[in-house]
Amino acid sequence: MSGTGKPSAVPGAGAATAGSGEPGVPGGAAEPGVPGGAAERGVPGGSGVAGGSGVAGGSGVAGDRPVGIDELLERVRTGYRRVEAQEAHEAARSGKALLVDIRYAALRERDGLIPGAVVVERNELEWRLDPQGSHRLPEATGHDLRVVVICNEGYASSLAAASLHQLGLHHATDLVGGFQAWRAAGLPVEPVERSR
């Protein structure tokens, strides 16, 4: 659950079950770090994904074969064009994109922050960026918003971008190689200010 009392992730990759999305329900949302929970898997699900099975490209027919994470990533990435670090930097600098850092706190503290990026924990992403949501960020101005999701290495961000597409944010994408690619490209990074 997020601090808002709402489920923190969309139901998992299997066909939706009655009550899915509730903590403790198999395939449902779970607190981060709960083995097998949808929040841990970062899997976009529910019937809103293309094909309706909770797996992008799935048929929605009971008995579909299980999909491994590599295939799931390949499927969701066919739904949008990913961006490289320099392109993301230029788009953000010109005001044409909102950079959203979904890395967890320990990684941000270790590696630093991207100046101007909005930090949103992965388990709150959909609630904070849904332009129709009551818990949205001020930056979540409409469905035409171009969002570049950034995780540590560019894997979880792909699943997050696919989930944003389900909310109608069809210009959402993610950063190839994540924060590590940003840093390797020599783009701006600032240390996290630590409170004393």
N, C-alpha and C. Protein backbone atom coordinates (compact mmCIF):
# COMPACT_ATOMS: atom_id res chain seq x y z
N MET A 1 0.84 -1.18 0.00
CA MET A 1 0.00 0.00 0.00
C MET A 1 0.88 1.24 0.00
N SER A 2 0.42 2.26 -0.67
CA SER A 2 1.12 3.53 -0.62
C SER A 2 0.69 4.27 0.63
N GLY A 3 1.29 5.39 0.89
CA GLY A 3 0.92 6.18 2.04
C GLY A 3 -0.49 6.72 1.95
N THR A 4 -1.13 6.57 0.80
CA THR A 4 -2.49 7.08 0.61
C THR A 4 -3.54 6.07 1.00
N GLY A 5 -3.13 4.84 1.33
CA GLY A 5 -4.08 3.80 1.66
C GLY A 5 -4.62 3.10 0.44
N LYS A 6 -4.14 3.45 -0.74
CA LYS A 6 -4.59 2.81 -1.97
C LYS A 6 -3.63 1.68 -2.30
N PRO A 7 -4.08 0.67 -3.05
CA PRO A 7 -3.17 -0.39 -3.46
C PRO A 7 -1.98 0.23 -4.17
N SER A 8 -0.81 -0.38 -3.98
CA SER A 8 0.41 0.23 -4.49
C SER A 8 0.82 -0.26 -5.86
N ALA A 9 0.14 -1.22 -6.43
CA ALA A 9 0.48 -1.67 -7.76
C ALA A 9 -0.75 -2.26 -8.41
N VAL A 10 -0.68 -2.41 -9.71
CA VAL A 10 -1.76 -2.98 -10.48
C VAL A 10 -1.67 -4.49 -10.36
N PRO A 11 -2.78 -5.24 -10.42
CA PRO A 11 -2.71 -6.70 -10.29
C PRO A 11 -1.66 -7.32 -11.19
N GLY A 12 -1.21 -8.52 -10.83
CA GLY A 12 -0.11 -9.20 -11.49
C GLY A 12 -0.39 -9.71 -12.88
N ALA A 13 0.55 -10.51 -13.37
CA ALA A 13 0.56 -10.88 -14.78
C ALA A 13 -0.45 -11.95 -15.14
N GLY A 14 -1.03 -12.66 -14.18
CA GLY A 14 -2.01 -13.68 -14.51
C GLY A 14 -3.34 -13.06 -14.85
N ALA A 15 -4.29 -13.90 -15.28
CA ALA A 15 -5.62 -13.38 -15.52
C ALA A 15 -6.16 -12.81 -14.22
N ALA A 16 -6.88 -11.71 -14.31
CA ALA A 16 -7.39 -11.05 -13.11
C ALA A 16 -8.33 -11.98 -12.36
N THR A 17 -8.20 -11.99 -11.04
CA THR A 17 -9.08 -12.81 -10.21
C THR A 17 -9.94 -11.90 -9.38
N ALA A 18 -11.04 -12.40 -8.89
CA ALA A 18 -11.92 -11.60 -8.04
C ALA A 18 -11.11 -11.08 -6.87
N GLY A 19 -11.17 -9.78 -6.68
CA GLY A 19 -10.45 -9.18 -5.56
C GLY A 19 -8.98 -8.93 -5.83
N SER A 20 -8.50 -9.24 -7.04
CA SER A 20 -7.08 -8.98 -7.28
C SER A 20 -6.83 -7.49 -7.20
N GLY A 21 -5.64 -7.15 -6.80
CA GLY A 21 -5.30 -5.78 -6.54
C GLY A 21 -5.30 -5.49 -5.06
N GLU A 22 -5.79 -6.42 -4.26
CA GLU A 22 -5.81 -6.26 -2.82
C GLU A 22 -4.62 -6.98 -2.22
N PRO A 23 -4.00 -6.40 -1.21
CA PRO A 23 -2.88 -7.08 -0.56
C PRO A 23 -3.31 -8.44 -0.03
N GLY A 24 -2.43 -9.39 -0.15
CA GLY A 24 -2.69 -10.72 0.37
C GLY A 24 -3.44 -11.62 -0.59
N VAL A 25 -3.91 -11.11 -1.71
CA VAL A 25 -4.62 -11.92 -2.69
C VAL A 25 -3.60 -12.40 -3.71
N PRO A 26 -3.52 -13.71 -3.96
CA PRO A 26 -2.55 -14.20 -4.93
C PRO A 26 -2.66 -13.45 -6.25
N GLY A 27 -1.52 -12.96 -6.71
CA GLY A 27 -1.50 -12.20 -7.95
C GLY A 27 -1.88 -10.75 -7.76
N GLY A 28 -2.25 -10.37 -6.55
CA GLY A 28 -2.68 -9.00 -6.28
C GLY A 28 -1.51 -8.13 -5.90
N ALA A 29 -1.84 -6.89 -5.53
CA ALA A 29 -0.81 -5.94 -5.14
C ALA A 29 -0.18 -6.39 -3.84
N ALA A 30 1.04 -5.97 -3.61
CA ALA A 30 1.73 -6.31 -2.37
C ALA A 30 2.67 -5.19 -1.99
N GLU A 31 3.01 -5.15 -0.74
CA GLU A 31 4.00 -4.19 -0.30
C GLU A 31 5.31 -4.50 -0.99
N PRO A 32 6.12 -3.47 -1.29
CA PRO A 32 7.42 -3.74 -1.89
C PRO A 32 8.21 -4.70 -1.01
N GLY A 33 8.90 -5.62 -1.66
CA GLY A 33 9.73 -6.56 -0.93
C GLY A 33 9.02 -7.83 -0.54
N VAL A 34 7.71 -7.93 -0.80
CA VAL A 34 7.00 -9.17 -0.51
C VAL A 34 7.22 -10.10 -1.69
N PRO A 35 7.89 -11.24 -1.46
CA PRO A 35 8.22 -12.12 -2.58
C PRO A 35 6.99 -12.48 -3.41
N GLY A 36 7.13 -12.31 -4.71
CA GLY A 36 6.08 -12.70 -5.63
C GLY A 36 4.97 -11.69 -5.79
N GLY A 37 4.95 -10.64 -5.02
CA GLY A 37 3.88 -9.66 -5.13
C GLY A 37 4.01 -8.84 -6.39
N ALA A 38 2.89 -8.29 -6.85
CA ALA A 38 2.91 -7.49 -8.07
C ALA A 38 3.81 -6.28 -7.94
N ALA A 39 3.88 -5.71 -6.74
CA ALA A 39 4.74 -4.54 -6.57
C ALA A 39 6.20 -4.93 -6.73
N GLU A 40 6.55 -6.12 -6.27
CA GLU A 40 7.93 -6.57 -6.43
C GLU A 40 8.22 -6.85 -7.90
N ARG A 41 7.28 -7.51 -8.55
CA ARG A 41 7.50 -7.85 -9.95
C ARG A 41 7.44 -6.64 -10.85
N GLY A 42 6.73 -5.58 -10.42
CA GLY A 42 6.59 -4.40 -11.25
C GLY A 42 5.81 -4.69 -12.51
N VAL A 43 4.94 -5.69 -12.47
CA VAL A 43 4.25 -6.16 -13.66
C VAL A 43 2.98 -5.37 -13.88
N PRO A 44 2.86 -4.73 -15.06
CA PRO A 44 1.58 -4.12 -15.37
C PRO A 44 0.57 -5.22 -15.61
N GLY A 45 -0.62 -5.09 -15.15
CA GLY A 45 -1.57 -6.18 -15.32
C GLY A 45 -2.98 -5.68 -15.49
N GLY A 46 -3.92 -6.55 -15.14
CA GLY A 46 -5.32 -6.21 -15.31
C GLY A 46 -5.70 -6.37 -16.76
N SER A 47 -6.93 -6.07 -17.07
CA SER A 47 -7.40 -6.29 -18.43
C SER A 47 -7.11 -5.13 -19.35
N GLY A 48 -6.45 -4.07 -18.85
CA GLY A 48 -6.19 -2.92 -19.69
C GLY A 48 -5.00 -3.07 -20.61
N VAL A 49 -4.18 -4.09 -20.44
CA VAL A 49 -3.02 -4.26 -21.31
C VAL A 49 -3.49 -4.87 -22.62
N ALA A 50 -2.82 -4.49 -23.69
CA ALA A 50 -3.18 -5.02 -25.00
C ALA A 50 -3.34 -6.53 -24.93
N GLY A 51 -4.44 -7.02 -25.38
CA GLY A 51 -4.70 -8.45 -25.36
C GLY A 51 -5.55 -8.86 -24.17
N GLY A 52 -5.57 -8.08 -23.12
CA GLY A 52 -6.49 -8.30 -22.02
C GLY A 52 -6.11 -9.33 -21.00
N SER A 53 -4.96 -9.97 -21.08
CA SER A 53 -4.64 -11.01 -20.12
C SER A 53 -3.82 -10.52 -18.96
N GLY A 54 -3.45 -9.26 -18.97
CA GLY A 54 -2.55 -8.76 -17.94
C GLY A 54 -1.11 -8.82 -18.40
N VAL A 55 -0.86 -9.44 -19.52
CA VAL A 55 0.48 -9.47 -20.11
C VAL A 55 0.35 -8.83 -21.47
N ALA A 56 1.15 -7.81 -21.70
CA ALA A 56 1.07 -7.11 -22.98
C ALA A 56 1.18 -8.12 -24.12
N GLY A 57 0.25 -8.08 -25.03
CA GLY A 57 0.27 -8.98 -26.17
C GLY A 57 -0.37 -10.32 -25.88
N GLY A 58 -0.82 -10.57 -24.64
CA GLY A 58 -1.46 -11.83 -24.30
C GLY A 58 -2.85 -11.91 -24.90
N SER A 59 -3.38 -13.12 -24.99
CA SER A 59 -4.68 -13.29 -25.61
C SER A 59 -5.83 -13.16 -24.64
N GLY A 60 -5.54 -13.25 -23.33
CA GLY A 60 -6.62 -13.16 -22.36
C GLY A 60 -7.37 -14.46 -22.19
N VAL A 61 -7.00 -15.50 -22.93
CA VAL A 61 -7.67 -16.79 -22.86
C VAL A 61 -7.07 -17.58 -21.71
N ALA A 62 -7.93 -18.14 -20.87
CA ALA A 62 -7.44 -18.96 -19.76
C ALA A 62 -6.56 -20.06 -20.33
N GLY A 63 -5.47 -20.35 -19.65
CA GLY A 63 -4.57 -21.41 -20.10
C GLY A 63 -3.43 -20.91 -20.95
N ASP A 64 -3.33 -19.57 -21.16
CA ASP A 64 -2.17 -19.04 -21.88
C ASP A 64 -0.92 -19.53 -21.18
N ARG A 65 0.13 -19.78 -21.94
CA ARG A 65 1.38 -20.23 -21.33
C ARG A 65 1.97 -19.08 -20.52
N PRO A 66 2.66 -19.40 -19.44
CA PRO A 66 3.31 -18.36 -18.66
C PRO A 66 4.35 -17.63 -19.51
N VAL A 67 4.53 -16.36 -19.22
CA VAL A 67 5.48 -15.54 -19.95
C VAL A 67 6.62 -15.19 -19.01
N GLY A 68 7.85 -15.41 -19.45
CA GLY A 68 9.01 -15.02 -18.65
C GLY A 68 9.24 -13.52 -18.74
N ILE A 69 10.05 -13.00 -17.84
CA ILE A 69 10.28 -11.56 -17.78
C ILE A 69 10.94 -11.03 -19.04
N ASP A 70 11.84 -11.78 -19.65
CA ASP A 70 12.49 -11.30 -20.87
C ASP A 70 11.46 -11.11 -21.99
N GLU A 71 10.55 -12.08 -22.13
CA GLU A 71 9.52 -11.96 -23.16
C GLU A 71 8.56 -10.83 -22.82
N LEU A 72 8.21 -10.68 -21.55
CA LEU A 72 7.32 -9.60 -21.14
C LEU A 72 7.94 -8.25 -21.48
N LEU A 73 9.23 -8.07 -21.17
CA LEU A 73 9.90 -6.82 -21.51
C LEU A 73 9.88 -6.57 -23.01
N GLU A 74 10.17 -7.61 -23.78
CA GLU A 74 10.17 -7.47 -25.23
C GLU A 74 8.79 -7.05 -25.72
N ARG A 75 7.74 -7.64 -25.18
CA ARG A 75 6.38 -7.31 -25.59
C ARG A 75 6.00 -5.88 -25.24
N VAL A 76 6.26 -5.46 -24.00
CA VAL A 76 5.83 -4.12 -23.63
C VAL A 76 6.63 -3.06 -24.38
N ARG A 77 7.88 -3.34 -24.66
CA ARG A 77 8.72 -2.36 -25.35
C ARG A 77 8.33 -2.16 -26.81
N THR A 78 7.56 -3.08 -27.39
CA THR A 78 7.10 -2.88 -28.76
C THR A 78 5.99 -1.83 -28.83
N GLY A 79 5.44 -1.45 -27.67
CA GLY A 79 4.33 -0.50 -27.65
C GLY A 79 4.73 0.95 -27.63
N TYR A 80 6.01 1.25 -27.58
CA TYR A 80 6.46 2.63 -27.56
C TYR A 80 7.94 2.69 -27.95
N ARG A 81 8.42 3.91 -28.22
CA ARG A 81 9.82 4.12 -28.57
C ARG A 81 10.58 4.58 -27.33
N ARG A 82 11.60 3.83 -26.96
CA ARG A 82 12.43 4.18 -25.81
C ARG A 82 13.40 5.29 -26.20
N VAL A 83 13.92 6.02 -25.22
CA VAL A 83 14.83 7.13 -25.52
C VAL A 83 16.20 6.90 -24.88
N GLU A 84 17.20 7.44 -25.53
CA GLU A 84 18.58 7.40 -25.02
C GLU A 84 18.77 8.58 -24.07
N ALA A 85 19.85 8.54 -23.30
CA ALA A 85 20.10 9.55 -22.27
C ALA A 85 20.16 10.96 -22.82
N GLN A 86 20.90 11.18 -23.88
CA GLN A 86 21.05 12.54 -24.42
C GLN A 86 19.71 13.10 -24.89
N GLU A 87 18.90 12.28 -25.54
CA GLU A 87 17.59 12.72 -26.00
C GLU A 87 16.70 13.09 -24.81
N ALA A 88 16.73 12.28 -23.76
CA ALA A 88 15.93 12.56 -22.57
C ALA A 88 16.38 13.87 -21.93
N HIS A 89 17.69 14.07 -21.85
CA HIS A 89 18.24 15.30 -21.27
C HIS A 89 17.78 16.52 -22.05
N GLU A 90 17.88 16.47 -23.37
CA GLU A 90 17.48 17.60 -24.20
C GLU A 90 15.99 17.87 -24.11
N ALA A 91 15.17 16.81 -24.08
CA ALA A 91 13.72 16.98 -23.99
C ALA A 91 13.33 17.61 -22.65
N ALA A 92 13.97 17.18 -21.59
CA ALA A 92 13.67 17.75 -20.27
C ALA A 92 14.14 19.20 -20.19
N ARG A 93 15.32 19.46 -20.70
CA ARG A 93 15.89 20.82 -20.65
C ARG A 93 15.04 21.81 -21.43
N SER A 94 14.44 21.36 -22.53
CA SER A 94 13.60 22.24 -23.34
C SER A 94 12.14 22.27 -22.87
N GLY A 95 11.84 21.54 -21.80
CA GLY A 95 10.47 21.53 -21.27
C GLY A 95 9.52 20.63 -22.03
N LYS A 96 10.05 19.75 -22.86
CA LYS A 96 9.20 18.87 -23.66
C LYS A 96 8.96 17.51 -23.02
N ALA A 97 9.59 17.24 -21.88
CA ALA A 97 9.40 15.95 -21.20
C ALA A 97 9.60 16.13 -19.70
N LEU A 98 8.90 15.31 -18.96
CA LEU A 98 9.04 15.23 -17.51
C LEU A 98 9.84 13.98 -17.19
N LEU A 99 10.99 14.14 -16.56
CA LEU A 99 11.79 12.99 -16.14
C LEU A 99 11.26 12.53 -14.79
N VAL A 100 11.00 11.23 -14.66
CA VAL A 100 10.48 10.67 -13.42
C VAL A 100 11.40 9.54 -12.96
N ASP A 101 12.04 9.76 -11.83
CA ASP A 101 13.00 8.83 -11.25
C ASP A 101 12.27 7.90 -10.30
N ILE A 102 12.21 6.61 -10.63
CA ILE A 102 11.51 5.64 -9.78
C ILE A 102 12.47 4.76 -8.98
N ARG A 103 13.76 5.11 -8.98
CA ARG A 103 14.71 4.31 -8.20
C ARG A 103 14.39 4.41 -6.72
N TYR A 104 14.70 3.37 -5.99
CA TYR A 104 14.43 3.41 -4.56
C TYR A 104 15.48 4.25 -3.85
N ALA A 105 15.17 4.66 -2.64
CA ALA A 105 15.96 5.65 -1.90
C ALA A 105 17.43 5.27 -1.77
N ALA A 106 17.73 4.02 -1.50
CA ALA A 106 19.13 3.62 -1.31
C ALA A 106 19.96 3.87 -2.57
N LEU A 107 19.38 3.65 -3.74
CA LEU A 107 20.11 3.91 -4.99
C LEU A 107 20.28 5.40 -5.22
N ARG A 108 19.24 6.17 -4.91
CA ARG A 108 19.37 7.63 -5.07
C ARG A 108 20.43 8.18 -4.13
N GLU A 109 20.46 7.68 -2.90
CA GLU A 109 21.45 8.14 -1.93
C GLU A 109 22.86 7.73 -2.35
N ARG A 110 23.00 6.54 -2.90
CA ARG A 110 24.32 6.05 -3.32
C ARG A 110 24.83 6.78 -4.56
N ASP A 111 23.94 6.94 -5.57
CA ASP A 111 24.38 7.41 -6.88
C ASP A 111 24.05 8.87 -7.18
N GLY A 112 23.11 9.44 -6.46
CA GLY A 112 22.73 10.83 -6.71
C GLY A 112 21.43 10.95 -7.48
N LEU A 113 21.10 12.21 -7.78
CA LEU A 113 19.84 12.55 -8.43
C LEU A 113 20.09 13.22 -9.77
N ILE A 114 19.11 13.12 -10.64
CA ILE A 114 19.14 13.85 -11.90
C ILE A 114 18.47 15.19 -11.64
N PRO A 115 19.19 16.28 -11.82
CA PRO A 115 18.59 17.60 -11.57
C PRO A 115 17.31 17.80 -12.39
N GLY A 116 16.27 18.24 -11.73
CA GLY A 116 15.00 18.49 -12.39
C GLY A 116 14.07 17.30 -12.49
N ALA A 117 14.57 16.10 -12.23
CA ALA A 117 13.72 14.92 -12.29
C ALA A 117 12.81 14.89 -11.06
N VAL A 118 11.59 14.43 -11.26
CA VAL A 118 10.65 14.24 -10.17
C VAL A 118 10.87 12.84 -9.61
N VAL A 119 11.03 12.73 -8.32
CA VAL A 119 11.19 11.42 -7.68
C VAL A 119 9.82 10.91 -7.26
N VAL A 120 9.46 9.74 -7.79
CA VAL A 120 8.20 9.09 -7.45
C VAL A 120 8.51 7.63 -7.21
N GLU A 121 8.24 7.16 -6.01
CA GLU A 121 8.46 5.73 -5.73
C GLU A 121 7.62 4.90 -6.69
N ARG A 122 8.16 3.78 -7.14
CA ARG A 122 7.47 2.95 -8.13
C ARG A 122 6.06 2.57 -7.68
N ASN A 123 5.88 2.29 -6.40
CA ASN A 123 4.56 1.83 -5.94
C ASN A 123 3.53 2.96 -5.89
N GLU A 124 3.93 4.18 -6.18
CA GLU A 124 2.98 5.31 -6.22
C GLU A 124 2.87 5.92 -7.61
N LEU A 125 3.61 5.42 -8.57
CA LEU A 125 3.72 6.04 -9.89
C LEU A 125 2.38 6.33 -10.54
N GLU A 126 1.54 5.33 -10.63
CA GLU A 126 0.26 5.50 -11.34
C GLU A 126 -0.61 6.53 -10.64
N TRP A 127 -0.64 6.52 -9.32
CA TRP A 127 -1.46 7.49 -8.58
C TRP A 127 -0.94 8.91 -8.75
N ARG A 128 0.35 9.07 -8.85
CA ARG A 128 0.95 10.41 -8.95
C ARG A 128 0.90 10.99 -10.36
N LEU A 129 0.83 10.13 -11.38
CA LEU A 129 0.86 10.64 -12.76
C LEU A 129 -0.47 10.55 -13.48
N ASP A 130 -1.47 9.94 -12.88
CA ASP A 130 -2.80 9.88 -13.51
C ASP A 130 -3.40 11.28 -13.50
N PRO A 131 -3.58 11.89 -14.68
CA PRO A 131 -4.11 13.25 -14.72
C PRO A 131 -5.51 13.37 -14.12
N GLN A 132 -6.24 12.26 -14.02
CA GLN A 132 -7.58 12.28 -13.47
C GLN A 132 -7.61 11.91 -11.99
N GLY A 133 -6.46 11.54 -11.44
CA GLY A 133 -6.41 11.04 -10.07
C GLY A 133 -6.40 12.15 -9.02
N SER A 134 -6.94 11.84 -7.88
CA SER A 134 -6.99 12.81 -6.79
C SER A 134 -5.64 12.94 -6.09
N HIS A 135 -4.71 12.03 -6.34
CA HIS A 135 -3.39 12.07 -5.70
C HIS A 135 -2.29 12.45 -6.69
N ARG A 136 -2.67 13.03 -7.80
CA ARG A 136 -1.70 13.36 -8.85
C ARG A 136 -0.76 14.48 -8.43
N LEU A 137 0.40 14.47 -9.04
CA LEU A 137 1.37 15.56 -8.88
C LEU A 137 0.91 16.76 -9.68
N PRO A 138 1.32 17.96 -9.31
CA PRO A 138 0.98 19.14 -10.11
C PRO A 138 1.48 19.03 -11.55
N GLU A 139 2.56 18.29 -11.77
CA GLU A 139 3.11 18.12 -13.12
C GLU A 139 2.25 17.22 -14.00
N ALA A 140 1.35 16.44 -13.41
CA ALA A 140 0.49 15.52 -14.17
C ALA A 140 -0.67 16.30 -14.76
N THR A 141 -0.37 17.06 -15.80
CA THR A 141 -1.31 18.04 -16.34
C THR A 141 -2.29 17.50 -17.38
N GLY A 142 -2.00 16.37 -17.98
CA GLY A 142 -2.90 15.84 -19.00
C GLY A 142 -2.35 14.57 -19.60
N HIS A 143 -3.18 13.91 -20.39
CA HIS A 143 -2.78 12.65 -21.00
C HIS A 143 -1.75 12.83 -22.11
N ASP A 144 -1.55 14.05 -22.56
CA ASP A 144 -0.55 14.29 -23.60
C ASP A 144 0.84 14.53 -23.04
N LEU A 145 0.99 14.45 -21.72
CA LEU A 145 2.27 14.67 -21.06
C LEU A 145 3.29 13.64 -21.53
N ARG A 146 4.47 14.10 -21.90
CA ARG A 146 5.56 13.19 -22.27
C ARG A 146 6.36 12.90 -21.00
N VAL A 147 6.32 11.66 -20.56
CA VAL A 147 7.00 11.22 -19.36
C VAL A 147 8.13 10.28 -19.76
N VAL A 148 9.31 10.50 -19.18
CA VAL A 148 10.43 9.57 -19.36
C VAL A 148 10.70 8.96 -17.99
N VAL A 149 10.38 7.68 -17.85
CA VAL A 149 10.57 6.97 -16.59
C VAL A 149 12.01 6.47 -16.53
N ILE A 150 12.63 6.68 -15.36
CA ILE A 150 14.03 6.30 -15.17
C ILE A 150 14.14 5.39 -13.96
N CYS A 151 14.65 4.18 -14.17
CA CYS A 151 14.99 3.29 -13.06
C CYS A 151 16.51 3.20 -13.02
N ASN A 152 17.04 2.20 -12.39
CA ASN A 152 18.50 2.13 -12.28
C ASN A 152 19.16 1.71 -13.59
N GLU A 153 18.63 0.67 -14.26
CA GLU A 153 19.29 0.15 -15.45
C GLU A 153 18.38 0.00 -16.66
N GLY A 154 17.13 0.45 -16.57
CA GLY A 154 16.25 0.43 -17.74
C GLY A 154 15.39 -0.80 -17.90
N TYR A 155 15.14 -1.52 -16.83
CA TYR A 155 14.27 -2.69 -16.92
C TYR A 155 12.91 -2.41 -16.26
N ALA A 156 12.91 -2.10 -14.98
CA ALA A 156 11.65 -1.80 -14.27
C ALA A 156 10.95 -0.61 -14.91
N SER A 157 11.72 0.32 -15.46
CA SER A 157 11.11 1.50 -16.08
C SER A 157 10.30 1.13 -17.32
N SER A 158 10.67 0.08 -18.02
CA SER A 158 9.90 -0.35 -19.18
C SER A 158 8.52 -0.84 -18.76
N LEU A 159 8.48 -1.61 -17.69
CA LEU A 159 7.19 -2.08 -17.18
C LEU A 159 6.37 -0.92 -16.64
N ALA A 160 7.03 0.04 -16.01
CA ALA A 160 6.33 1.21 -15.48
C ALA A 160 5.74 2.05 -16.62
N ALA A 161 6.51 2.25 -17.69
CA ALA A 161 6.01 3.01 -18.83
C ALA A 161 4.79 2.33 -19.45
N ALA A 162 4.84 1.01 -19.54
CA ALA A 162 3.69 0.27 -20.08
C ALA A 162 2.46 0.47 -19.21
N SER A 163 2.65 0.50 -17.91
CA SER A 163 1.54 0.74 -17.00
C SER A 163 0.96 2.14 -17.20
N LEU A 164 1.81 3.13 -17.43
CA LEU A 164 1.33 4.49 -17.69
C LEU A 164 0.54 4.55 -18.99
N HIS A 165 0.94 3.76 -19.98
CA HIS A 165 0.17 3.69 -21.22
C HIS A 165 -1.25 3.22 -20.94
N GLN A 166 -1.40 2.28 -20.00
CA GLN A 166 -2.72 1.79 -19.64
C GLN A 166 -3.60 2.90 -19.07
N LEU A 167 -2.98 3.90 -18.46
CA LEU A 167 -3.73 5.03 -17.91
C LEU A 167 -4.02 6.10 -18.97
N GLY A 168 -3.59 5.86 -20.19
CA GLY A 168 -3.83 6.82 -21.26
C GLY A 168 -2.69 7.78 -21.48
N LEU A 169 -1.57 7.59 -20.79
CA LEU A 169 -0.39 8.44 -20.99
C LEU A 169 0.44 7.84 -22.13
N HIS A 170 -0.05 8.02 -23.35
CA HIS A 170 0.52 7.33 -24.51
C HIS A 170 1.85 7.89 -24.98
N HIS A 171 2.30 8.99 -24.38
CA HIS A 171 3.62 9.54 -24.70
C HIS A 171 4.65 9.14 -23.66
N ALA A 172 4.27 8.27 -22.73
CA ALA A 172 5.21 7.78 -21.72
C ALA A 172 6.22 6.85 -22.37
N THR A 173 7.45 6.94 -21.91
CA THR A 173 8.52 6.09 -22.40
C THR A 173 9.49 5.86 -21.25
N ASP A 174 10.60 5.20 -21.54
CA ASP A 174 11.61 5.03 -20.51
C ASP A 174 12.99 5.21 -21.10
N LEU A 175 13.94 5.35 -20.20
CA LEU A 175 15.33 5.63 -20.57
C LEU A 175 16.09 4.32 -20.77
N VAL A 176 16.61 4.12 -21.96
CA VAL A 176 17.43 2.94 -22.25
C VAL A 176 18.65 2.97 -21.32
N GLY A 177 18.84 1.92 -20.55
CA GLY A 177 19.98 1.84 -19.65
C GLY A 177 19.79 2.55 -18.32
N GLY A 178 18.67 3.24 -18.16
CA GLY A 178 18.32 3.87 -16.90
C GLY A 178 19.33 4.91 -16.41
N PHE A 179 19.33 5.12 -15.10
CA PHE A 179 20.21 6.10 -14.48
C PHE A 179 21.67 5.82 -14.80
N GLN A 180 22.04 4.55 -14.85
CA GLN A 180 23.43 4.20 -15.10
C GLN A 180 23.88 4.69 -16.48
N ALA A 181 22.99 4.63 -17.48
CA ALA A 181 23.32 5.15 -18.81
C ALA A 181 23.41 6.67 -18.79
N TRP A 182 22.54 7.31 -18.02
CA TRP A 182 22.57 8.77 -17.87
C TRP A 182 23.94 9.21 -17.33
N ARG A 183 24.34 8.55 -16.26
CA ARG A 183 25.62 8.89 -15.62
C ARG A 183 26.80 8.59 -16.55
N ALA A 184 26.75 7.45 -17.22
CA ALA A 184 27.84 7.07 -18.13
C ALA A 184 27.97 8.05 -19.29
N ALA A 185 26.86 8.70 -19.67
CA ALA A 185 26.89 9.68 -20.75
C ALA A 185 27.46 11.02 -20.28
N GLY A 186 27.78 11.12 -18.99
CA GLY A 186 28.34 12.35 -18.46
C GLY A 186 27.32 13.45 -18.26
N LEU A 187 26.05 13.08 -18.17
CA LEU A 187 24.98 14.07 -17.97
C LEU A 187 24.91 14.46 -16.50
N PRO A 188 24.28 15.59 -16.20
CA PRO A 188 24.29 16.11 -14.81
C PRO A 188 23.71 15.16 -13.78
N VAL A 189 24.42 15.05 -12.67
CA VAL A 189 23.99 14.28 -11.50
C VAL A 189 24.37 15.11 -10.29
N GLU A 190 23.49 15.17 -9.32
CA GLU A 190 23.82 15.89 -8.08
C GLU A 190 23.66 14.97 -6.89
N PRO A 191 24.47 15.18 -5.87
CA PRO A 191 24.36 14.32 -4.67
C PRO A 191 23.05 14.59 -3.93
N VAL A 192 22.60 13.58 -3.21
CA VAL A 192 21.43 13.73 -2.37
C VAL A 192 21.85 14.52 -1.13
N GLU A 193 21.07 15.53 -0.81
CA GLU A 193 21.35 16.30 0.41
C GLU A 193 20.90 15.48 1.59
N ARG A 194 21.80 15.27 2.51
CA ARG A 194 21.48 14.47 3.69
C ARG A 194 21.14 15.42 4.84
N SER A 195 20.07 15.10 5.54
CA SER A 195 19.71 15.93 6.70
C SER A 195 20.61 15.56 7.87
N ARG A 196 20.95 16.53 8.65
CA ARG A 196 21.88 16.30 9.75
C ARG A 196 21.14 15.96 11.01
